[in-house]
Amino acid sequence: MTIKLYCFGESGNAYKAALALELSGLDWEPVYVDFFGGETRTPDYRANINEMGEAPVLVDGDVRLTQSGAIQQYVTDKSGRHGGAPEDRYEVLRWVLWDNHKLSSQAGMTRFLMNFLPEKHRDPNVIAFMQGRLKAAYATLNAHLEGRDWIVGDSLTNADLSCCGYLYYPEPFGFDRADWPHIDAWLTRLSERPGWQHPYDLMPRALADNEASK
């Protein structure tokens, strides 16, 4: 049975789940969610897809999961991929939780404020505050990656697939790979893995290039 992932290309959290599925070798397909058209806020979506009103959502037969970290773990349990060595299980989880709290949550919000929110509502003080928090997260990740190929252990794990979620997007949000050489090398290494795809190639996109940043 083909796994379905409710997602849209602009979502870094959806990308984490989509990339995990793609690199796992499992049979899956994206189901487009019209986030910018308000689909996730409709009673039908909340009643039938996700009561939390979010994407991504994985559906595999009777299994329905939300939250990218939970989806990644399900993919690992089903495919045997990206869980890391048994002794590293909690270290992988530690970095997934760190990313969800310190990196992706800040990057997603900052990118939304700078590119997808109507320009008249973009508060430069809020954006500057968010970028300051992001800079601290980049510094933590960059220092950790010095001398390492992967975030945990000696292979690609869900820690990497989680932390990279927003870092391949082209829209500006205060991240320049050139400023963080160890992150840059890690992102290059990950993108050279067989099966890797850019988020806009892996999932259906909601907005055309000229619609972002208006």
Protein backbone atom coordinates (compact mmCIF):
# COMPACT_ATOMS: atom_id res chain seq x y z
CA MET A 1 0.00 0.00 0.00
CA THR A 2 1.31 3.44 -0.95
CA ILE A 3 1.92 5.78 1.98
CA LYS A 4 0.31 9.19 1.55
CA LEU A 5 1.90 12.34 2.89
CA TYR A 6 -0.29 15.44 3.10
CA CYS A 7 2.15 18.25 2.43
CA PHE A 8 3.11 21.31 0.40
CA GLY A 9 6.46 22.38 -0.96
CA GLU A 10 6.93 25.51 1.11
CA SER A 11 6.74 23.64 4.41
CA GLY A 12 10.08 22.76 5.93
CA ASN A 13 8.39 20.48 8.42
CA ALA A 14 6.69 18.61 5.59
CA TYR A 15 10.06 18.40 3.85
CA LYS A 16 11.55 16.56 6.83
CA ALA A 17 8.89 13.87 6.51
CA ALA A 18 9.01 13.75 2.70
CA LEU A 19 12.80 13.47 2.61
CA ALA A 20 12.75 10.70 5.22
CA LEU A 21 10.23 8.80 3.11
CA GLU A 22 12.13 9.36 -0.14
CA LEU A 23 15.48 8.25 1.27
CA SER A 24 13.93 5.26 3.05
CA GLY A 25 12.93 3.57 -0.18
CA LEU A 26 9.31 3.16 0.96
CA ASP A 27 6.50 3.59 -1.56
CA TRP A 28 4.88 6.96 -0.95
CA GLU A 29 3.14 9.84 -2.70
CA PRO A 30 2.49 13.49 -1.80
CA VAL A 31 -1.05 14.78 -1.35
CA TYR A 32 -1.13 18.53 -1.88
CA VAL A 33 -2.43 20.68 0.98
CA ASP A 34 -3.54 24.20 0.04
CA PHE A 35 -2.11 25.81 3.16
CA PHE A 36 -2.05 29.36 1.80
CA GLY A 37 -5.66 28.95 0.65
CA GLY A 38 -6.67 28.12 4.22
CA GLU A 39 -7.28 24.37 3.82
CA THR A 40 -5.73 23.42 7.15
CA ARG A 41 -8.09 25.80 8.96
CA THR A 42 -11.27 24.29 7.53
CA PRO A 43 -13.58 22.13 9.69
CA ASP A 44 -13.29 19.33 7.13
CA TYR A 45 -9.49 19.20 7.34
CA ARG A 46 -9.53 19.26 11.14
CA ALA A 47 -12.21 16.58 11.32
CA ASN A 48 -10.85 14.23 8.67
CA ILE A 49 -7.11 14.93 8.25
CA ASN A 50 -5.55 16.53 11.32
CA GLU A 51 -7.33 17.91 14.36
CA MET A 52 -4.30 20.14 15.00
CA GLY A 53 -4.82 21.93 11.69
CA GLU A 54 -1.27 21.34 10.46
CA ALA A 55 0.77 19.61 7.79
CA PRO A 56 2.47 17.18 7.31
CA VAL A 57 0.18 14.22 7.91
CA LEU A 58 1.18 10.65 7.09
CA VAL A 59 -1.50 8.08 6.26
CA ASP A 60 -0.49 4.44 5.90
CA GLY A 61 -3.58 2.23 5.92
CA ASP A 62 -5.11 2.63 9.37
CA VAL A 63 -2.10 4.58 10.66
CA ARG A 64 -2.42 8.37 10.70
CA LEU A 65 0.43 10.41 12.14
CA THR A 66 1.17 14.11 12.48
CA GLN A 67 4.31 15.97 13.61
CA SER A 68 7.43 15.49 11.52
CA GLY A 69 9.50 13.87 14.27
CA ALA A 70 6.85 11.19 14.89
CA ILE A 71 6.55 10.58 11.15
CA GLN A 72 10.32 10.23 10.80
CA GLN A 73 10.39 7.66 13.60
CA TYR A 74 7.54 5.73 11.97
CA VAL A 75 9.47 5.68 8.69
CA THR A 76 12.54 4.42 10.56
CA ASP A 77 10.58 1.69 12.31
CA LYS A 78 9.04 0.57 9.03
CA SER A 79 12.13 0.80 6.82
CA GLY A 80 14.98 0.22 9.25
CA ARG A 81 16.68 3.37 7.92
CA HIS A 82 18.03 6.50 9.63
CA GLY A 83 17.61 5.43 13.23
CA GLY A 84 21.34 5.32 13.90
CA ALA A 85 23.15 2.78 16.06
CA PRO A 86 21.06 1.38 18.95
CA GLU A 87 23.23 3.17 21.50
CA ASP A 88 22.61 6.49 19.72
CA ARG A 89 18.82 6.31 19.81
CA TYR A 90 18.35 8.94 22.49
CA GLU A 91 21.05 11.18 21.04
CA VAL A 92 19.17 11.21 17.73
CA LEU A 93 15.97 12.07 19.61
CA ARG A 94 17.78 14.81 21.53
CA TRP A 95 18.77 16.54 18.30
CA VAL A 96 15.33 16.11 16.73
CA LEU A 97 13.78 17.80 19.77
CA TRP A 98 16.44 20.51 19.77
CA ASP A 99 15.74 21.22 16.12
CA ASN A 100 11.98 21.38 16.66
CA HIS A 101 12.40 23.86 19.50
CA LYS A 102 15.51 25.89 18.65
CA LEU A 103 16.05 25.73 14.88
CA SER A 104 13.09 24.80 12.69
CA SER A 105 10.50 26.61 14.77
CA GLN A 106 12.53 29.84 14.56
CA ALA A 107 13.49 29.41 10.89
CA GLY A 108 9.96 28.60 9.82
CA MET A 109 8.49 31.60 11.57
CA THR A 110 11.19 34.00 10.34
CA ARG A 111 10.91 32.78 6.76
CA PHE A 112 7.14 33.16 6.89
CA LEU A 113 7.38 36.68 8.30
CA MET A 114 9.90 37.76 5.66
CA ASN A 115 8.41 36.11 2.58
CA PHE A 116 4.81 34.98 2.92
CA LEU A 117 3.21 37.51 5.24
CA PRO A 118 1.88 40.64 3.47
CA GLU A 119 4.63 43.23 3.50
CA LYS A 120 2.64 45.74 5.54
CA HIS A 121 2.53 43.26 8.43
CA ARG A 122 6.27 42.52 8.53
CA ASP A 123 7.62 43.95 11.76
CA PRO A 124 11.40 44.53 11.40
CA ASN A 125 11.90 44.39 15.17
CA VAL A 126 10.30 40.98 15.43
CA ILE A 127 12.29 39.73 12.44
CA ALA A 128 15.54 41.02 13.94
CA PHE A 129 14.75 39.32 17.25
CA MET A 130 14.01 36.03 15.51
CA GLN A 131 17.18 36.24 13.43
CA GLY A 132 19.18 36.75 16.61
CA ARG A 133 17.78 33.55 18.06
CA LEU A 134 18.48 31.75 14.81
CA LYS A 135 22.08 32.92 14.80
CA ALA A 136 22.58 31.25 18.18
CA ALA A 137 21.09 28.01 16.82
CA TYR A 138 23.32 28.11 13.73
CA ALA A 139 26.35 28.61 15.96
CA THR A 140 25.42 25.57 18.07
CA LEU A 141 24.93 23.34 15.04
CA ASN A 142 28.00 24.63 13.21
CA ALA A 143 30.25 24.00 16.23
CA HIS A 144 28.81 20.52 16.71
CA LEU A 145 29.47 19.59 13.08
CA GLU A 146 33.14 20.54 13.17
CA GLY A 147 35.07 17.35 12.47
CA ARG A 148 31.87 15.36 11.92
CA ASP A 149 30.15 14.09 8.79
CA TRP A 150 26.77 13.67 10.50
CA ILE A 151 25.09 15.07 13.58
CA VAL A 152 24.97 11.75 15.43
CA GLY A 153 27.27 8.79 14.92
CA ASP A 154 28.82 7.91 11.60
CA SER A 155 25.74 7.74 9.38
CA LEU A 156 22.77 9.80 8.24
CA THR A 157 20.00 9.79 10.85
CA ASN A 158 16.75 11.53 11.63
CA ALA A 159 18.80 14.13 13.46
CA ASP A 160 20.18 15.26 10.10
CA LEU A 161 16.85 14.94 8.30
CA SER A 162 15.20 17.09 10.95
CA CYS A 163 17.82 19.81 11.28
CA CYS A 164 18.14 20.34 7.53
CA GLY A 165 14.41 20.95 7.10
CA TYR A 166 14.51 24.68 6.37
CA LEU A 167 18.12 25.14 5.31
CA TYR A 168 17.79 24.32 1.59
CA TYR A 169 15.09 26.90 0.88
CA PRO A 170 16.02 29.85 -1.36
CA GLU A 171 13.86 32.50 0.32
CA PRO A 172 15.80 34.85 2.62
CA PHE A 173 15.39 34.44 6.36
CA GLY A 174 18.84 35.27 7.69
CA PHE A 175 20.75 32.12 6.78
CA ASP A 176 23.78 32.27 4.50
CA ARG A 177 25.58 28.95 4.13
CA ALA A 178 28.87 30.74 3.52
CA ASP A 179 28.77 32.07 7.09
CA TRP A 180 28.64 28.57 8.57
CA PRO A 181 31.25 26.35 6.85
CA HIS A 182 30.56 23.15 8.79
CA ILE A 183 26.82 23.45 8.18
CA ASP A 184 27.54 24.19 4.53
CA ALA A 185 29.71 21.09 4.13
CA TRP A 186 27.10 18.95 5.91
CA LEU A 187 24.27 20.22 3.69
CA THR A 188 26.36 19.49 0.60
CA ARG A 189 27.14 16.01 1.90
CA LEU A 190 23.46 15.33 2.54
CA SER A 191 22.39 16.63 -0.87
CA GLU A 192 24.83 14.24 -2.53
CA ARG A 193 23.07 11.21 -1.06
CA PRO A 194 21.33 9.03 -3.68
CA GLY A 195 17.66 9.96 -3.79
CA TRP A 196 18.01 13.41 -2.23
CA GLN A 197 15.71 16.04 -3.73
CA HIS A 198 15.16 19.73 -3.12
CA PRO A 199 11.88 20.45 -1.32
CA TYR A 200 10.39 22.16 -4.37
CA ASP A 201 11.12 19.07 -6.45
CA LEU A 202 9.96 16.57 -3.86
CA MET A 203 6.57 18.12 -2.98
CA PRO A 204 3.92 20.11 -4.87
CA ARG A 205 4.48 23.82 -4.45
CA ALA A 206 1.73 26.27 -3.52
CA LEU A 207 3.28 29.52 -4.72
CA ALA A 208 5.18 30.39 -7.87
CA ASP A 209 8.57 32.09 -7.59
CA ASN A 210 7.13 35.52 -8.22
CA GLU A 211 4.45 35.13 -5.56
CA ALA A 212 6.84 34.76 -2.65
CA SER A 213 8.29 37.90 -1.05
CA LYS A 214 5.41 40.12 -2.19
